[in-house]
Amino acid sequence: MPFYYAESNVNIDPMVFLPKPGAPAGVGPLMVSHVAGIAPAKQGASPTSPLLGADGKQLGIMLGQWEKAAGTVAFSCVASRERATSTLTGLIPSATYSTFVVHLDVEGSGRFTPWGDPAGTTNSFTASATGTAAPTNTVKGCLGTDAAAAIIWHSDATTHGKSPGDIGVNWHTSLITRVP
């Protein structure tokens, strides 16, 4: 799975932020609103830069840790159920994550749905102490190319059921890839 910035075709990560004194409050490239004094994190900035949420609060990690996330995913659709089997590395150790379907042909409500049961009780996982995970998630229906799989970090260590959370505040898309 590539990092989200590759999917959005911009060279920034719009769901995590860096301090930028004097910067006005604004709306980032993926419509993530943020407070004054911060800016979307640019890829290639100093790896020791502390990351902030869109609300300006410290996330407790540095950009270098965030950029380590990597992984692969294999998709299969059998008996009208799409399965995503992932192997993930470089995650934030012992952190809370969820897998979501991104419906690329939907805007607004319904764009993100749990990759699991509709209530979002089977799509979450905790990274190991070394930052690895191997989740397998299944959803009803064969998704096709109008969907993507997203690995979301919950910086508040709380899953949010059928919602990914508050974008840029406690929901940060770590990895994403299209369903083939």
Protein backbone atom coordinates (compact mmCIF):
# COMPACT_ATOMS: atom_id res chain seq x y z
CA MET A 1 0.00 0.00 0.00
CA PRO A 2 1.38 3.45 -0.79
CA PHE A 3 1.15 6.40 1.56
CA TYR A 4 -1.96 8.52 1.16
CA TYR A 5 -0.10 11.41 -0.50
CA ALA A 6 0.62 9.14 -3.46
CA GLU A 7 -3.12 8.42 -3.78
CA SER A 8 -4.07 12.11 -3.61
CA ASN A 9 -1.26 13.12 -5.99
CA VAL A 10 0.12 15.82 -3.71
CA ASN A 11 3.45 15.81 -1.96
CA ILE A 12 2.09 16.33 1.55
CA ASP A 13 0.29 14.38 4.20
CA PRO A 14 -2.89 16.33 4.91
CA MET A 15 -3.92 14.44 8.08
CA VAL A 16 -0.94 15.27 10.28
CA PHE A 17 0.51 18.71 10.88
CA LEU A 18 3.73 20.50 11.82
CA PRO A 19 4.18 23.67 13.86
CA LYS A 20 4.24 26.80 11.69
CA PRO A 21 4.12 29.92 13.87
CA GLY A 22 2.12 32.71 12.27
CA ALA A 23 0.27 30.46 9.82
CA PRO A 24 -3.45 31.24 9.65
CA ALA A 25 -6.16 28.69 10.38
CA GLY A 26 -7.17 27.02 7.17
CA VAL A 27 -8.39 24.06 5.20
CA GLY A 28 -5.87 21.60 3.80
CA PRO A 29 -5.83 19.84 0.42
CA LEU A 30 -8.27 17.11 1.46
CA MET A 31 -10.60 19.59 3.15
CA VAL A 32 -9.13 18.99 6.63
CA SER A 33 -9.70 22.15 8.68
CA HIS A 34 -6.85 23.13 11.02
CA VAL A 35 -6.15 25.76 13.65
CA ALA A 36 -3.72 28.67 13.27
CA GLY A 37 -0.02 28.10 13.90
CA ILE A 38 0.24 24.77 12.07
CA ALA A 39 0.48 23.51 8.48
CA PRO A 40 0.03 20.12 6.79
CA ALA A 41 3.19 18.01 7.16
CA LYS A 42 5.35 18.03 4.06
CA GLN A 43 7.00 14.78 3.12
CA GLY A 44 10.75 15.13 3.51
CA ALA A 45 10.56 17.61 6.41
CA SER A 46 12.89 16.89 9.33
CA PRO A 47 12.15 13.40 10.69
CA THR A 48 12.51 14.79 14.23
CA SER A 49 9.61 17.23 13.71
CA PRO A 50 6.86 16.64 16.28
CA LEU A 51 3.49 15.93 14.69
CA LEU A 52 0.33 17.76 15.65
CA GLY A 53 -3.35 17.13 15.06
CA ALA A 54 -5.56 19.57 13.17
CA ASP A 55 -6.53 20.99 16.56
CA GLY A 56 -2.87 21.85 17.27
CA LYS A 57 -2.41 19.20 19.99
CA GLN A 58 0.74 17.07 20.10
CA LEU A 59 0.25 13.55 18.71
CA GLY A 60 3.21 12.14 20.65
CA ILE A 61 5.20 11.01 17.61
CA MET A 62 7.73 12.46 15.22
CA LEU A 63 7.41 12.71 11.43
CA GLY A 64 10.11 10.06 10.97
CA GLN A 65 8.01 7.50 12.88
CA TRP A 66 4.91 8.38 10.83
CA GLU A 67 6.78 7.95 7.54
CA LYS A 68 7.92 4.41 8.44
CA ALA A 69 4.48 2.88 7.85
CA ALA A 70 4.49 0.40 4.98
CA GLY A 71 2.65 -2.70 3.98
CA THR A 72 1.16 -5.03 1.46
CA VAL A 73 -2.38 -6.26 1.03
CA ALA A 74 -3.87 -9.13 -0.92
CA PHE A 75 -7.51 -8.91 -2.01
CA SER A 76 -9.82 -11.79 -2.84
CA CYS A 77 -13.54 -11.99 -3.40
CA VAL A 78 -15.15 -15.35 -2.71
CA ALA A 79 -18.87 -16.04 -2.20
CA SER A 80 -19.68 -12.31 -2.45
CA ARG A 81 -17.30 -11.37 0.38
CA GLU A 82 -14.22 -9.19 -0.20
CA ARG A 83 -11.25 -10.11 1.94
CA ALA A 84 -8.20 -7.94 2.57
CA THR A 85 -5.20 -9.67 4.11
CA SER A 86 -2.53 -7.17 5.13
CA THR A 87 1.05 -7.35 6.35
CA LEU A 88 2.01 -4.04 7.96
CA THR A 89 5.31 -2.72 9.32
CA GLY A 90 6.57 0.59 10.68
CA LEU A 91 3.34 1.28 12.55
CA ILE A 92 3.35 3.19 15.81
CA PRO A 93 4.14 0.52 18.42
CA SER A 94 1.12 -0.69 20.44
CA ALA A 95 -1.13 1.90 18.76
CA THR A 96 -4.80 1.49 17.83
CA TYR A 97 -5.69 1.19 14.14
CA SER A 98 -8.75 0.37 12.04
CA THR A 99 -9.27 -0.76 8.47
CA PHE A 100 -11.90 1.12 6.47
CA VAL A 101 -13.31 0.87 2.96
CA VAL A 102 -13.10 4.16 1.08
CA HIS A 103 -15.93 4.34 -1.46
CA LEU A 104 -14.21 6.50 -4.08
CA ASP A 105 -17.46 7.21 -5.92
CA VAL A 106 -19.18 8.61 -2.79
CA GLU A 107 -18.80 12.08 -1.28
CA GLY A 108 -19.79 12.93 2.29
CA SER A 109 -21.61 10.50 4.54
CA GLY A 110 -20.99 6.89 3.53
CA ARG A 111 -17.58 7.50 1.91
CA PHE A 112 -15.84 5.56 4.72
CA THR A 113 -17.32 2.32 6.04
CA PRO A 114 -15.75 -0.31 8.29
CA TRP A 115 -13.89 -3.13 6.55
CA GLY A 116 -15.76 -5.70 8.61
CA ASP A 117 -19.22 -5.62 10.13
CA PRO A 118 -21.28 -2.44 9.54
CA ALA A 119 -21.13 -1.47 13.23
CA GLY A 120 -17.33 -1.32 13.14
CA THR A 121 -16.69 -3.91 15.84
CA THR A 122 -14.41 -6.20 13.78
CA ASN A 123 -12.21 -3.79 11.79
CA SER A 124 -9.83 -2.57 14.52
CA PHE A 125 -6.48 -3.91 15.66
CA THR A 126 -3.51 -3.00 17.84
CA ALA A 127 -0.02 -2.85 16.40
CA SER A 128 2.56 -5.03 18.11
CA ALA A 129 5.20 -3.58 20.41
CA THR A 130 7.52 -3.57 17.37
CA GLY A 131 5.00 -1.78 15.11
CA THR A 132 3.79 -4.72 13.03
CA ALA A 133 0.33 -6.12 12.36
CA ALA A 134 -1.30 -8.64 10.03
CA PRO A 135 -5.04 -7.91 10.00
CA THR A 136 -7.46 -9.82 7.82
CA ASN A 137 -10.76 -8.08 7.21
CA THR A 138 -13.84 -9.23 5.30
CA VAL A 139 -16.78 -7.17 4.06
CA LYS A 140 -20.00 -8.18 2.29
CA GLY A 141 -19.91 -7.70 -1.47
CA CYS A 142 -17.15 -7.62 -4.06
CA LEU A 143 -15.93 -4.03 -4.07
CA GLY A 144 -14.16 -3.45 -7.38
CA THR A 145 -12.11 -0.47 -8.50
CA ASP A 146 -14.38 2.20 -6.99
CA ALA A 147 -13.06 1.32 -3.53
CA ALA A 148 -9.85 1.52 -1.54
CA ALA A 149 -8.57 0.02 1.70
CA ALA A 150 -7.38 2.52 4.31
CA ILE A 151 -5.39 1.84 7.47
CA ILE A 152 -6.35 4.53 9.97
CA TRP A 153 -4.37 5.41 13.12
CA HIS A 154 -6.52 6.53 16.05
CA SER A 155 -4.26 8.96 17.88
CA ASP A 156 -6.69 8.98 20.82
CA ALA A 157 -6.24 5.18 21.16
CA THR A 158 -10.00 4.78 20.78
CA THR A 159 -11.91 3.06 18.01
CA HIS A 160 -14.95 4.97 16.83
CA GLY A 161 -17.18 2.13 15.65
CA LYS A 162 -18.57 2.74 12.20
CA SER A 163 -16.84 6.14 11.99
CA PRO A 164 -13.11 6.65 11.45
CA GLY A 165 -13.25 9.50 14.00
CA ASP A 166 -12.55 13.23 13.69
CA ILE A 167 -10.38 13.72 10.60
CA GLY A 168 -6.97 15.15 11.39
CA VAL A 169 -7.69 15.20 15.13
CA ASN A 170 -7.91 11.51 16.13
CA TRP A 171 -8.24 9.97 12.64
CA HIS A 172 -5.08 9.88 10.53
CA THR A 173 -4.97 7.76 7.37
CA SER A 174 -1.64 5.96 7.59
CA LEU A 175 -1.82 3.80 4.45
CA ILE A 176 -4.20 3.45 1.54
CA THR A 177 -4.48 1.48 -1.69
CA ARG A 178 -7.14 0.88 -4.32
CA VAL A 179 -8.97 -2.42 -4.51
CA PRO A 180 -7.98 -3.99 -7.86
